[in-house]
Every structure is written in structure tokens, then in C-alpha cells.
Protein backbone atom coordinates (compact mmCIF):
# COMPACT_ATOMS: atom_id res chain seq x y z
CA MET A 1 114.10 75.36 98.96
CA ARG A 2 114.59 79.00 99.97
CA LEU A 3 112.58 80.48 103.28
CA GLY A 4 111.62 84.08 101.86
CA PRO A 5 111.73 87.60 104.05
CA VAL A 6 110.19 87.88 107.39
CA LEU A 7 106.70 89.17 106.14
CA GLY A 8 105.76 90.73 109.71
CA ARG A 9 104.15 89.32 113.30
CA LYS A 10 101.35 86.94 113.60
CA GLN A 11 99.85 89.09 116.33
CA GLN A 12 99.53 91.72 113.53
CA MET A 13 98.40 89.84 110.27
CA ILE A 14 95.18 91.22 108.85
CA LYS A 15 92.71 89.63 106.91
CA TYR A 16 91.19 92.34 105.26
CA LYS A 17 88.75 91.52 102.21
CA GLY A 18 89.75 87.81 101.87
CA THR A 19 93.51 88.72 101.37
CA THR A 20 96.21 88.49 103.79
CA LEU A 21 98.23 91.88 105.10
CA TYR A 22 101.02 93.04 107.29
CA PRO A 23 101.21 96.48 108.32
CA PRO A 24 104.79 97.04 106.65
CA ALA A 25 103.72 96.18 103.00
CA LEU A 26 100.94 99.19 104.18
CA TYR A 27 103.81 101.58 105.50
CA ASP A 28 106.03 100.82 102.62
CA ILE A 29 103.09 102.23 100.34
CA LEU A 30 102.58 104.94 102.28
CA ASP A 31 106.19 105.79 102.36
CA ASN A 32 106.58 105.82 99.29
CA THR A 33 103.62 108.30 98.55
CA GLU A 34 104.20 112.15 97.94
CA HIS A 35 102.05 114.68 99.97
CA ILE A 36 101.91 112.56 103.54
CA HIS A 37 103.94 113.74 105.98
CA ASN A 38 102.41 111.32 108.90
CA TYR A 39 100.66 108.30 109.28
CA TYR A 40 99.07 105.61 111.39
CA VAL A 41 97.25 102.19 110.72
CA GLU A 42 94.06 101.63 112.83
CA VAL A 43 93.03 98.19 112.20
CA PHE A 44 89.53 97.69 114.39
CA THR A 45 86.45 94.56 114.15
CA ASN A 46 83.58 95.90 112.73
CA ALA A 47 79.72 94.81 113.05
CA ILE A 48 79.81 91.36 111.17
CA GLY A 49 82.96 90.64 113.24
CA THR A 50 85.57 91.02 109.91
CA ASP A 51 89.33 93.51 110.53
CA GLU A 52 88.64 96.77 109.09
CA ILE A 53 91.66 98.95 108.05
CA MET A 54 91.36 102.56 108.75
CA ILE A 55 94.23 104.74 107.46
CA HIS A 56 94.85 108.45 108.97
CA ILE A 57 97.27 110.68 107.19
CA GLY A 58 98.28 113.69 107.96
CA SER A 59 99.27 115.73 104.77
CA LEU A 60 98.56 119.39 103.77
CA ALA A 61 97.25 117.89 100.28
CA GLN A 62 93.77 116.84 100.85
CA GLY A 63 90.53 116.20 99.13
CA ASP A 64 88.96 113.61 96.85
CA ALA A 65 91.67 113.93 94.30
CA PHE A 66 94.26 112.67 96.30
CA GLU A 67 92.44 110.17 98.07
CA LYS A 68 91.87 108.37 95.10
CA GLN A 69 95.39 108.78 94.35
CA ILE A 70 96.28 106.80 97.58
CA LYS A 71 93.74 104.00 97.00
CA ASP A 72 95.09 103.27 93.32
CA HIS A 73 98.41 103.10 95.05
CA PHE A 74 96.75 100.65 97.87
CA ARG A 75 95.03 98.50 95.09
CA ALA A 76 97.65 98.89 92.33
CA LYS A 77 100.08 96.99 94.92
CA LEU A 78 98.22 94.53 97.68
CA ARG A 79 94.43 94.31 94.88
CA VAL A 80 92.56 96.28 98.67
CA ALA A 81 91.83 99.69 99.03
CA PRO A 82 91.78 100.64 103.27
CA GLN A 83 89.24 103.52 104.41
CA ILE A 84 91.30 107.16 104.26
CA VAL A 85 90.66 109.50 106.75
CA PHE A 86 92.41 112.96 106.87
CA GLU A 87 93.56 114.69 110.05
CA PRO A 88 95.87 117.74 110.68
CA VAL A 89 99.04 117.01 111.03
CA THR A 90 99.64 118.21 114.77
CA GLU A 91 97.00 115.48 115.87
CA ILE A 92 98.80 112.13 113.70
CA GLU A 93 102.14 114.10 115.66
CA ARG A 94 100.45 113.58 118.95
CA VAL A 95 99.05 109.83 118.62
CA ILE A 96 102.15 108.64 117.04
CA ASN A 97 104.94 110.13 119.89
CA PRO A 98 102.60 109.81 123.29
CA GLU A 99 104.56 111.71 125.44
CA GLN A 100 105.24 108.65 128.07
CA GLY A 101 106.27 106.40 124.61
CA ARG A 102 110.26 106.02 123.23
CA LYS A 103 109.48 104.69 119.93
CA SER A 104 106.81 106.09 117.45
CA ILE A 105 103.90 103.97 117.10
CA LYS A 106 102.05 103.02 113.72
CA PHE A 107 99.88 100.36 114.12
CA VAL A 108 96.65 100.72 116.64
CA ASP A 109 95.30 97.59 116.75
CA LYS A 110 91.23 98.00 118.67
CA ARG A 111 90.25 94.21 117.32
CA ASN A 112 88.55 91.97 119.78
CA ASN A 113 91.38 88.87 120.14
């Protein structure tokens, strides 16, 4: 038997609607989707205690048709579609590149562990 590639860090594992996800799987879909300038993934615990995923996307192409296209990509690859929020590109840039930080932040974990 052989070992497979590293999927992600255990601390970043997301249980979403019965599916186990890791942030790199989400990044892969978003990086390969046209018209997305920048993004970050926010994970939080909802009122009933399960994980929720909200993807903040900075894009010039916005609207229901583009959101449906992105959700269809997620359903095809991961079998689930997270919440999507469109924001101005400059606002996303401010979040992913903080002034004091050296690395860009693509994953924001607001779960109560």
C-alpha cells in the first residue's frame, strides 16, 4: 500500500454537510475559476454547532449567474456548495494582506474549538 499526498492540516479540517473538506481543495477551485481577482475562506460555527463555510470573493463579474457558476463548480468537485459573498476587490485585499503580516491570509477560522 502507498500513502497519498498530504490533504491538509488536521486543525483546518472542515466537516461541512457530511463531507470532510480541507482549504486547499477550495483554493484549487477558486484559483481555476475565471474572473475571480482575490478571495478568502471564512469558517465559523452556526447556531446548531456545525461548521459553515463562507467564501468572500473580490471580482468585477458579479451577479446571480456568476454565483451559480461558482456553486456549480463546487458541487461538481466537492459535492457541496458553500455560501458566497461578493465584496469589493480592495476590501478583500485589505483582509488578506494585513499591514503587520508578511504572509497573505486566505483562511479565517472563527470556530469555537
